[in-house]
């Protein structure tokens, strides 16, 4: 008759303790997957906005309108392939909901303020427009988890993009 072999109680307790230590050290990295996903979505929105701006600026430069302000006698506009031309500001997209929706083919809810993305809309993205500044959040994201687009302020400046990159804020 053969003797059965197995794990002793002490061996099982040691393995459970080691697994517990690993779980405590590794779990925080996996808990904030939603924050990481939101940061990635914001980075994607920033890239889409930069790509749209590159297209618009290229077309504005070809039309000789890259140095014209939006408040000119005849506002500068370029055909970007949609049914509505993009009205530019120094060759770039204006920080206006209609202009961004037209150029990027995205729909936005309207946020409460530049620090409060609260909305009742059903779109995936929320926007708040200030004076030359568009603040964009993913719907349902915390207020700190945002992309801020500031339009160009002169013929020699370029738009700025500030995106939250810290998953803990998202």
Foldseek 3Di string as FASTA:
>chain_A
DDDDDDDDPVVVVVVVVVVVVVCVVCVVVVPLPVLQVQLVVQVVLVVLQVVLFVLQLVQCVVVVNLFPACPDPDFDWGCPPFPDTARAGSRGHFQDQVNSCRSRVAHEFEADALQGRDGPDDGQKHWYDDDQKIWIGGPPAHSQQIWIWGQADGNPGHIDIDGDNDSVRD
